[in-house]
Amino acid sequence: VSIAVAVGALFSLVALPLFGRISDRITSRSGRRRP
């Protein structure tokens, strides 16, 4: 459990702010959050 949860959380640590940065830069017709 520790391995599965911890490794997944490590990837999430990078993904959270990275997705935020990407989302703030999206200028498509579908909007910034829908993608």
PDB file of all heavy atoms in Angstrom:
ATOM      1  N   VAL A   1       0.842  -1.209   0.000  1.00  0.00           N
ATOM      2  CA  VAL A   1       0.000   0.000   0.000  1.00  0.00           C
ATOM      3  C   VAL A   1       0.871   1.251   0.000  1.00  0.00           C
ATOM      4  O   VAL A   1       0.630   2.207  -0.748  1.00  0.00           O
ATOM      5  CB  VAL A   1      -0.952   0.000   1.213  1.00  0.00           C
ATOM      6  CG1 VAL A   1      -1.627   1.364   1.359  1.00  0.00           C
ATOM      7  CG2 VAL A   1      -2.001  -1.088   1.065  1.00  0.00           C
ATOM      8  N   SER A   2       1.906   1.248   0.844  1.00  0.00           N
ATOM      9  CA  SER A   2       2.796   2.405   0.919  1.00  0.00           C
ATOM     10  C   SER A   2       3.455   2.692  -0.428  1.00  0.00           C
ATOM     11  O   SER A   2       3.525   3.848  -0.867  1.00  0.00           O
ATOM     12  CB  SER A   2       3.870   2.180   1.989  1.00  0.00           C
ATOM     13  OG  SER A   2       3.299   2.122   3.277  1.00  0.00           O
ATOM     14  N   ILE A   3       3.931   1.645  -1.102  1.00  0.00           N
ATOM     15  CA  ILE A   3       4.599   1.833  -2.394  1.00  0.00           C
ATOM     16  C   ILE A   3       3.622   2.365  -3.439  1.00  0.00           C
ATOM     17  O   ILE A   3       3.903   3.363  -4.135  1.00  0.00           O
ATOM     18  CB  ILE A   3       5.229   0.511  -2.873  1.00  0.00           C
ATOM     19  CG1 ILE A   3       6.389   0.107  -1.950  1.00  0.00           C
ATOM     20  CG2 ILE A   3       5.701   0.625  -4.317  1.00  0.00           C
ATOM     21  CD1 ILE A   3       6.932  -1.284  -2.222  1.00  0.00           C
ATOM     22  N   ALA A   4       2.472   1.723  -3.569  1.00  0.00           N
ATOM     23  CA  ALA A   4       1.518   2.111  -4.606  1.00  0.00           C
ATOM     24  C   ALA A   4       1.017   3.536  -4.405  1.00  0.00           C
ATOM     25  O   ALA A   4       0.960   4.341  -5.350  1.00  0.00           O
ATOM     26  CB  ALA A   4       0.338   1.132  -4.621  1.00  0.00           C
ATOM     27  N   VAL A   5       0.646   3.862  -3.172  1.00  0.00           N
ATOM     28  CA  VAL A   5       0.112   5.197  -2.896  1.00  0.00           C
ATOM     29  C   VAL A   5       1.195   6.259  -3.013  1.00  0.00           C
ATOM     30  O   VAL A   5       0.984   7.338  -3.587  1.00  0.00           O
ATOM     31  CB  VAL A   5      -0.538   5.232  -1.497  1.00  0.00           C
ATOM     32  CG1 VAL A   5      -0.950   6.658  -1.130  1.00  0.00           C
ATOM     33  CG2 VAL A   5      -1.758   4.310  -1.455  1.00  0.00           C
ATOM     34  N   ALA A   6       2.384   5.978  -2.480  1.00  0.00           N
ATOM     35  CA  ALA A   6       3.455   6.977  -2.472  1.00  0.00           C
ATOM     36  C   ALA A   6       3.951   7.289  -3.878  1.00  0.00           C
ATOM     37  O   ALA A   6       4.144   8.462  -4.232  1.00  0.00           O
ATOM     38  CB  ALA A   6       4.617   6.498  -1.601  1.00  0.00           C
ATOM     39  N   VAL A   7       4.157   6.271  -4.697  1.00  0.00           N
ATOM     40  CA  VAL A   7       4.647   6.511  -6.060  1.00  0.00           C
ATOM     41  C   VAL A   7       3.599   7.275  -6.864  1.00  0.00           C
ATOM     42  O   VAL A   7       3.924   8.223  -7.602  1.00  0.00           O
ATOM     43  CB  VAL A   7       5.020   5.187  -6.752  1.00  0.00           C
ATOM     44  CG1 VAL A   7       5.365   5.427  -8.219  1.00  0.00           C
ATOM     45  CG2 VAL A   7       6.197   4.532  -6.040  1.00  0.00           C
ATOM     46  N   GLY A   8       2.337   6.869  -6.740  1.00  0.00           N
ATOM     47  CA  GLY A   8       1.277   7.612  -7.428  1.00  0.00           C
ATOM     48  C   GLY A   8       1.233   9.061  -6.991  1.00  0.00           C
ATOM     49  O   GLY A   8       1.072   9.967  -7.817  1.00  0.00           O
ATOM     50  N   ALA A   9       1.406   9.300  -5.694  1.00  0.00           N
ATOM     51  CA  ALA A   9       1.376  10.665  -5.182  1.00  0.00           C
ATOM     52  C   ALA A   9       2.562  11.486  -5.682  1.00  0.00           C
ATOM     53  O   ALA A   9       2.441  12.689  -5.916  1.00  0.00           O
ATOM     54  CB  ALA A   9       1.361  10.645  -3.658  1.00  0.00           C
ATOM     55  N   LEU A  10       3.716  10.848  -5.861  1.00  0.00           N
ATOM     56  CA  LEU A  10       4.881  11.568  -6.397  1.00  0.00           C
ATOM     57  C   LEU A  10       4.604  12.091  -7.807  1.00  0.00           C
ATOM     58  O   LEU A  10       4.943  13.237  -8.140  1.00  0.00           O
ATOM     59  CB  LEU A  10       6.106  10.652  -6.409  1.00  0.00           C
ATOM     60  CG  LEU A  10       6.785  10.401  -5.064  1.00  0.00           C
ATOM     61  CD1 LEU A  10       7.893   9.368  -5.208  1.00  0.00           C
ATOM     62  CD2 LEU A  10       7.345  11.702  -4.487  1.00  0.00           C
ATOM     63  N   PHE A  11       3.988  11.259  -8.638  1.00  0.00           N
ATOM     64  CA  PHE A  11       3.616  11.715  -9.978  1.00  0.00           C
ATOM     65  C   PHE A  11       2.578  12.837  -9.888  1.00  0.00           C
ATOM     66  O   PHE A  11       2.620  13.802 -10.656  1.00  0.00           O
ATOM     67  CB  PHE A  11       3.059  10.549 -10.796  1.00  0.00           C
ATOM     68  CG  PHE A  11       4.118   9.715 -11.443  1.00  0.00           C
ATOM     69  CD1 PHE A  11       4.777   8.707 -10.735  1.00  0.00           C
ATOM     70  CD2 PHE A  11       4.478   9.922 -12.766  1.00  0.00           C
ATOM     71  CE1 PHE A  11       5.766   7.934 -11.330  1.00  0.00           C
ATOM     72  CE2 PHE A  11       5.461   9.152 -13.372  1.00  0.00           C
ATOM     73  CZ  PHE A  11       6.111   8.154 -12.653  1.00  0.00           C
ATOM     74  N   SER A  12       1.661  12.714  -8.956  1.00  0.00           N
ATOM     75  CA  SER A  12       0.640  13.743  -8.773  1.00  0.00           C
ATOM     76  C   SER A  12       1.258  15.066  -8.343  1.00  0.00           C
ATOM     77  O   SER A  12       0.785  16.140  -8.727  1.00  0.00           O
ATOM     78  CB  SER A  12      -0.381  13.272  -7.735  1.00  0.00           C
ATOM     79  OG  SER A  12      -1.382  14.236  -7.533  1.00  0.00           O
ATOM     80  N   LEU A  13       2.325  14.999  -7.544  1.00  0.00           N
ATOM     81  CA  LEU A  13       2.990  16.216  -7.087  1.00  0.00           C
ATOM     82  C   LEU A  13       3.490  17.051  -8.253  1.00  0.00           C
ATOM     83  O   LEU A  13       3.418  18.278  -8.236  1.00  0.00           O
ATOM     84  CB  LEU A  13       4.174  15.854  -6.179  1.00  0.00           C
ATOM     85  CG  LEU A  13       3.853  15.308  -4.795  1.00  0.00           C
ATOM     86  CD1 LEU A  13       5.133  14.940  -4.061  1.00  0.00           C
ATOM     87  CD2 LEU A  13       3.043  16.312  -4.001  1.00  0.00           C
ATOM     88  N   VAL A  14       4.020  16.371  -9.278  1.00  0.00           N
ATOM     89  CA  VAL A  14       4.490  17.080 -10.466  1.00  0.00           C
ATOM     90  C   VAL A  14       3.308  17.519 -11.323  1.00  0.00           C
ATOM     91  O   VAL A  14       3.285  18.635 -11.866  1.00  0.00           O
ATOM     92  CB  VAL A  14       5.437  16.184 -11.286  1.00  0.00           C
ATOM     93  CG1 VAL A  14       5.868  16.880 -12.571  1.00  0.00           C
ATOM     94  CG2 VAL A  14       6.662  15.801 -10.453  1.00  0.00           C
ATOM     95  N   ALA A  15       2.307  16.662 -11.442  1.00  0.00           N
ATOM     96  CA  ALA A  15       1.191  16.925 -12.347  1.00  0.00           C
ATOM     97  C   ALA A  15       0.328  18.099 -11.893  1.00  0.00           C
ATOM     98  O   ALA A  15      -0.135  18.887 -12.736  1.00  0.00           O
ATOM     99  CB  ALA A  15       0.324  15.668 -12.467  1.00  0.00           C
ATOM    100  N   LEU A  16       0.114  18.248 -10.598  1.00  0.00           N
ATOM    101  CA  LEU A  16      -0.810  19.280 -10.120  1.00  0.00           C
ATOM    102  C   LEU A  16      -0.417  20.685 -10.562  1.00  0.00           C
ATOM    103  O   LEU A  16      -1.190  21.366 -11.248  1.00  0.00           O
ATOM    104  CB  LEU A  16      -0.954  19.189  -8.602  1.00  0.00           C
ATOM    105  CG  LEU A  16      -1.889  18.079  -8.102  1.00  0.00           C
ATOM    106  CD1 LEU A  16      -1.648  17.793  -6.627  1.00  0.00           C
ATOM    107  CD2 LEU A  16      -3.344  18.489  -8.334  1.00  0.00           C
ATOM    108  N   PRO A  17       0.762  21.183 -10.193  1.00  0.00           N
ATOM    109  CA  PRO A  17       1.103  22.537 -10.643  1.00  0.00           C
ATOM    110  C   PRO A  17       1.352  22.624 -12.144  1.00  0.00           C
ATOM    111  O   PRO A  17       1.091  23.665 -12.757  1.00  0.00           O
ATOM    112  CB  PRO A  17       2.379  22.863  -9.846  1.00  0.00           C
ATOM    113  CG  PRO A  17       2.964  21.543  -9.491  1.00  0.00           C
ATOM    114  CD  PRO A  17       1.803  20.613  -9.325  1.00  0.00           C
ATOM    115  N   LEU A  18       1.848  21.529 -12.742  1.00  0.00           N
ATOM    116  CA  LEU A  18       2.088  21.548 -14.182  1.00  0.00           C
ATOM    117  C   LEU A  18       0.777  21.677 -14.947  1.00  0.00           C
ATOM    118  O   LEU A  18       0.665  22.476 -15.897  1.00  0.00           O
ATOM    119  CB  LEU A  18       2.828  20.283 -14.598  1.00  0.00           C
ATOM    120  CG  LEU A  18       3.300  20.231 -16.056  1.00  0.00           C
ATOM    121  CD1 LEU A  18       4.242  21.385 -16.366  1.00  0.00           C
ATOM    122  CD2 LEU A  18       3.973  18.894 -16.345  1.00  0.00           C
ATOM    123  N   PHE A  19      -0.232  20.928 -14.553  1.00  0.00           N
ATOM    124  CA  PHE A  19      -1.547  21.060 -15.179  1.00  0.00           C
ATOM    125  C   PHE A  19      -2.104  22.463 -14.959  1.00  0.00           C
ATOM    126  O   PHE A  19      -2.768  23.029 -15.839  1.00  0.00           O
ATOM    127  CB  PHE A  19      -2.519  20.020 -14.621  1.00  0.00           C
ATOM    128  CG  PHE A  19      -2.331  18.641 -15.194  1.00  0.00           C
ATOM    129  CD1 PHE A  19      -2.484  17.514 -14.392  1.00  0.00           C
ATOM    130  CD2 PHE A  19      -2.017  18.461 -16.526  1.00  0.00           C
ATOM    131  CE1 PHE A  19      -2.320  16.239 -14.907  1.00  0.00           C
ATOM    132  CE2 PHE A  19      -1.849  17.185 -17.057  1.00  0.00           C
ATOM    133  CZ  PHE A  19      -2.000  16.070 -16.242  1.00  0.00           C
ATOM    134  N   GLY A  20      -1.858  23.020 -13.775  1.00  0.00           N
ATOM    135  CA  GLY A  20      -2.322  24.373 -13.513  1.00  0.00           C
ATOM    136  C   GLY A  20      -1.685  25.382 -14.444  1.00  0.00           C
ATOM    137  O   GLY A  20      -2.358  26.263 -15.008  1.00  0.00           O
ATOM    138  N   ARG A  21      -0.369  25.267 -14.630  1.00  0.00           N
ATOM    139  CA  ARG A  21       0.340  26.174 -15.537  1.00  0.00           C
ATOM    140  C   ARG A  21      -0.181  26.023 -16.965  1.00  0.00           C
ATOM    141  O   ARG A  21      -0.425  27.016 -17.664  1.00  0.00           O
ATOM    142  CB  ARG A  21       1.839  25.865 -15.484  1.00  0.00           C
ATOM    143  CG  ARG A  21       2.675  26.620 -16.486  1.00  0.00           C
ATOM    144  CD  ARG A  21       2.774  28.097 -16.157  1.00  0.00           C
ATOM    145  NE  ARG A  21       3.692  28.317 -15.048  1.00  0.00           N
ATOM    146  CZ  ARG A  21       3.951  29.509 -14.508  1.00  0.00           C
ATOM    147  NH1 ARG A  21       3.337  30.582 -14.979  1.00  0.00           N
ATOM    148  NH2 ARG A  21       4.786  29.632 -13.494  1.00  0.00           N
ATOM    149  N   ILE A  22      -0.355  24.786 -17.398  1.00  0.00           N
ATOM    150  CA  ILE A  22      -0.843  24.543 -18.759  1.00  0.00           C
ATOM    151  C   ILE A  22      -2.255  25.089 -18.928  1.00  0.00           C
ATOM    152  O   ILE A  22      -2.577  25.746 -19.927  1.00  0.00           O
ATOM    153  CB  ILE A  22      -0.807  23.031 -19.069  1.00  0.00           C
ATOM    154  CG1 ILE A  22       0.649  22.544 -19.140  1.00  0.00           C
ATOM    155  CG2 ILE A  22      -1.540  22.725 -20.374  1.00  0.00           C
ATOM    156  CD1 ILE A  22       0.781  21.038 -19.217  1.00  0.00           C
ATOM    157  N   SER A  23      -3.104  24.848 -17.943  1.00  0.00           N
ATOM    158  CA  SER A  23      -4.495  25.278 -18.043  1.00  0.00           C
ATOM    159  C   SER A  23      -4.614  26.795 -18.154  1.00  0.00           C
ATOM    160  O   SER A  23      -5.440  27.318 -18.907  1.00  0.00           O
ATOM    161  CB  SER A  23      -5.284  24.778 -16.830  1.00  0.00           C
ATOM    162  OG  SER A  23      -6.640  25.143 -16.918  1.00  0.00           O
ATOM    163  N   ASP A  24      -3.785  27.525 -17.413  1.00  0.00           N
ATOM    164  CA  ASP A  24      -3.835  28.986 -17.451  1.00  0.00           C
ATOM    165  C   ASP A  24      -3.398  29.543 -18.805  1.00  0.00           C
ATOM    166  O   ASP A  24      -3.654  30.709 -19.112  1.00  0.00           O
ATOM    167  CB  ASP A  24      -2.943  29.573 -16.360  1.00  0.00           C
ATOM    168  CG  ASP A  24      -3.603  29.569 -14.986  1.00  0.00           C
ATOM    169  OD1 ASP A  24      -4.850  29.500 -14.936  1.00  0.00           O
ATOM    170  OD2 ASP A  24      -2.885  29.626 -13.975  1.00  0.00           O
ATOM    171  N   ARG A  25      -2.721  28.729 -19.631  1.00  0.00           N
ATOM    172  CA  ARG A  25      -2.220  29.196 -20.915  1.00  0.00           C
ATOM    173  C   ARG A  25      -3.096  28.746 -22.087  1.00  0.00           C
ATOM    174  O   ARG A  25      -2.856  29.134 -23.226  1.00  0.00           O
ATOM    175  CB  ARG A  25      -0.791  28.680 -21.137  1.00  0.00           C
ATOM    176  CG  ARG A  25       0.238  29.313 -20.217  1.00  0.00           C
ATOM    177  CD  ARG A  25       1.643  28.788 -20.533  1.00  0.00           C
ATOM    178  NE  ARG A  25       1.958  28.892 -21.964  1.00  0.00           N
ATOM    179  CZ  ARG A  25       2.332  30.014 -22.579  1.00  0.00           C
ATOM    180  NH1 ARG A  25       2.431  31.121 -21.873  1.00  0.00           N
ATOM    181  NH2 ARG A  25       2.593  30.007 -23.863  1.00  0.00           N
ATOM    182  N   ILE A  26      -4.098  27.926 -21.828  1.00  0.00           N
ATOM    183  CA  ILE A  26      -4.941  27.412 -22.908  1.00  0.00           C
ATOM    184  C   ILE A  26      -5.850  28.527 -23.434  1.00  0.00           C
ATOM    185  O   ILE A  26      -6.546  29.189 -22.662  1.00  0.00           O
ATOM    186  CB  ILE A  26      -5.778  26.219 -22.425  1.00  0.00           C
ATOM    187  CG1 ILE A  26      -4.867  25.032 -22.107  1.00  0.00           C
ATOM    188  CG2 ILE A  26      -6.812  25.829 -23.482  1.00  0.00           C
ATOM    189  CD1 ILE A  26      -5.590  23.848 -21.504  1.00  0.00           C
ATOM    190  N   THR A  27      -5.824  28.736 -24.749  1.00  0.00           N
ATOM    191  CA  THR A  27      -6.661  29.781 -25.361  1.00  0.00           C
ATOM    192  C   THR A  27      -7.612  29.195 -26.409  1.00  0.00           C
ATOM    193  O   THR A  27      -8.104  29.914 -27.274  1.00  0.00           O
ATOM    194  CB  THR A  27      -5.771  30.850 -26.021  1.00  0.00           C
ATOM    195  OG1 THR A  27      -4.918  30.238 -26.996  1.00  0.00           O
ATOM    196  CG2 THR A  27      -4.926  31.573 -24.986  1.00  0.00           C
ATOM    197  N   SER A  28      -7.890  27.910 -26.315  1.00  0.00           N
ATOM    198  CA  SER A  28      -8.758  27.271 -27.304  1.00  0.00           C
ATOM    199  C   SER A  28     -10.211  27.680 -27.094  1.00  0.00           C
ATOM    200  O   SER A  28     -10.592  28.216 -26.050  1.00  0.00           O
ATOM    201  CB  SER A  28      -8.640  25.751 -27.211  1.00  0.00           C
ATOM    202  OG  SER A  28      -9.299  25.277 -26.053  1.00  0.00           O
ATOM    203  N   ARG A  29     -11.036  27.411 -28.087  1.00  0.00           N
ATOM    204  CA  ARG A  29     -12.459  27.739 -27.994  1.00  0.00           C
ATOM    205  C   ARG A  29     -13.166  26.946 -26.903  1.00  0.00           C
ATOM    206  O   ARG A  29     -14.222  27.339 -26.427  1.00  0.00           O
ATOM    207  CB  ARG A  29     -13.139  27.486 -29.342  1.00  0.00           C
ATOM    208  CG  ARG A  29     -12.679  28.430 -30.437  1.00  0.00           C
ATOM    209  CD  ARG A  29     -13.434  28.165 -31.730  1.00  0.00           C
ATOM    210  NE  ARG A  29     -13.027  29.085 -32.790  1.00  0.00           N
ATOM    211  CZ  ARG A  29     -13.531  29.072 -34.020  1.00  0.00           C
ATOM    212  NH1 ARG A  29     -14.466  28.154 -34.336  1.00  0.00           N
ATOM    213  NH2 ARG A  29     -13.119  29.935 -34.922  1.00  0.00           N
ATOM    214  N   SER A  30     -12.587  25.819 -26.531  1.00  0.00           N
ATOM    215  CA  SER A  30     -13.216  24.991 -25.487  1.00  0.00           C
ATOM    216  C   SER A  30     -12.973  25.538 -24.088  1.00  0.00           C
ATOM    217  O   SER A  30     -13.525  25.026 -23.124  1.00  0.00           O
ATOM    218  CB  SER A  30     -12.691  23.554 -25.572  1.00  0.00           C
ATOM    219  OG  SER A  30     -11.295  23.516 -25.329  1.00  0.00           O
ATOM    220  N   GLY A  31     -12.149  26.566 -23.961  1.00  0.00           N
ATOM    221  CA  GLY A  31     -11.898  27.161 -22.658  1.00  0.00           C
ATOM    222  C   GLY A  31     -10.605  26.664 -22.035  1.00  0.00           C
ATOM    223  O   GLY A  31      -9.867  25.866 -22.625  1.00  0.00           O
ATOM    224  N   ARG A  32     -10.352  27.156 -20.799  1.00  0.00           N
ATOM    225  CA  ARG A  32      -9.106  26.804 -20.116  1.00  0.00           C
ATOM    226  C   ARG A  32      -9.228  25.560 -19.262  1.00  0.00           C
ATOM    227  O   ARG A  32      -8.240  24.888 -18.987  1.00  0.00           O
ATOM    228  CB  ARG A  32      -8.647  27.977 -19.216  1.00  0.00           C
ATOM    229  CG  ARG A  32      -8.216  29.192 -19.985  1.00  0.00           C
ATOM    230  CD  ARG A  32      -7.345  30.095 -19.126  1.00  0.00           C
ATOM    231  NE  ARG A  32      -8.077  30.787 -18.075  1.00  0.00           N
ATOM    232  CZ  ARG A  32      -7.506  31.610 -17.193  1.00  0.00           C
ATOM    233  NH1 ARG A  32      -6.207  31.832 -17.228  1.00  0.00           N
ATOM    234  NH2 ARG A  32      -8.232  32.214 -16.279  1.00  0.00           N
ATOM    235  N   ARG A  33     -10.424  25.234 -18.789  1.00  0.00           N
ATOM    236  CA  ARG A  33     -10.576  24.160 -17.809  1.00  0.00           C
ATOM    237  C   ARG A  33     -11.147  22.868 -18.397  1.00  0.00           C
ATOM    238  O   ARG A  33     -10.848  21.778 -17.919  1.00  0.00           O
ATOM    239  CB  ARG A  33     -11.481  24.629 -16.650  1.00  0.00           C
ATOM    240  CG  ARG A  33     -11.170  26.030 -16.134  1.00  0.00           C
ATOM    241  CD  ARG A  33      -9.714  26.225 -15.740  1.00  0.00           C
ATOM    242  NE  ARG A  33      -9.460  27.596 -15.302  1.00  0.00           N
ATOM    243  CZ  ARG A  33      -8.266  28.152 -15.218  1.00  0.00           C
ATOM    244  NH1 ARG A  33      -7.179  27.464 -15.542  1.00  0.00           N
ATOM    245  NH2 ARG A  33      -8.130  29.404 -14.830  1.00  0.00           N
ATOM    246  N   ARG A  34     -11.971  22.987 -19.434  1.00  0.00           N
ATOM    247  CA  ARG A  34     -12.625  21.801 -19.994  1.00  0.00           C
ATOM    248  C   ARG A  34     -11.628  20.741 -20.478  1.00  0.00           C
ATOM    249  O   ARG A  34     -11.837  19.539 -20.238  1.00  0.00           O
ATOM    250  CB  ARG A  34     -13.564  22.210 -21.129  1.00  0.00           C
ATOM    251  CG  ARG A  34     -14.374  21.039 -21.696  1.00  0.00           C
ATOM    252  CD  ARG A  34     -15.361  21.476 -22.756  1.00  0.00           C
ATOM    253  NE  ARG A  34     -16.476  22.221 -22.178  1.00  0.00           N
ATOM    254  CZ  ARG A  34     -16.661  23.542 -22.308  1.00  0.00           C
ATOM    255  NH1 ARG A  34     -15.795  24.256 -22.999  1.00  0.00           N
ATOM    256  NH2 ARG A  34     -17.686  24.134 -21.770  1.00  0.00           N
ATOM    257  N   PRO A  35     -10.533  21.117 -21.167  1.00  0.00           N
ATOM    258  CA  PRO A  35      -9.593  20.074 -21.604  1.00  0.00           C
ATOM    259  C   PRO A  35      -9.026  19.244 -20.461  1.00  0.00           C
ATOM    260  O   PRO A  35      -8.828  18.030 -20.608  1.00  0.00           O
ATOM    261  CB  PRO A  35      -8.489  20.880 -22.312  1.00  0.00           C
ATOM    262  CG  PRO A  35      -9.179  22.123 -22.777  1.00  0.00           C
ATOM    263  CD  PRO A  35     -10.172  22.445 -21.703  1.00  0.00           C
TER     264      PRO A  35
END
